[in-house]
């Protein structure tokens, strides 16, 4: 309905594609924005494999995200994906797509919209804004704001620092930060 009203009134953005991007980064260069905002330069470091072998050089750890394949500017003769990042050592670990899947996550700073469950519950979870909710089982730690989420089937590219949100149909049950 909003699009129709915008078009009826001649707004130039009436047919503009929806976006989930950060609107105040006009050129899409997030790393440049973060470096400028934080007044910090993220130095080059190494791409490594799961065994710690150096594969090549990266252009600054903030330029990569878990699950990323494109834009790595490295050729290994097979598809490579970012599977983890180590800020302390300034390394980005590359692996195969299957290395990105896990069946369990822990989250802290969990904020329950409902009363905190005393027993494990079955519900649905999202770990990325554009993913479909997936079935899971959630257990709360006693005297803590930490939860354990066990997925019915492994989930791709679960990322520390991102949010996990729990659902029961259209209802949000709560959310926290993936650790």
Foldseek 3Di string as FASTA:
>chain_A
DVLVVCVVVPPPCSPPDDDPDDVVPPVPPVVVVVCVVVVHAFQKDFEAEPVRHGQGIAHGQVVFAFQDFPPRPGDDPDTWTFQDADSVRGYTYIDDQVSFWDFKWKFFPKDFPDPDDPAKDWFWKDQDPPDDTFIWIKDDDPPGRMIMTGGPGIDGRRDFQTKMWTDHVPDTGIMGGTD
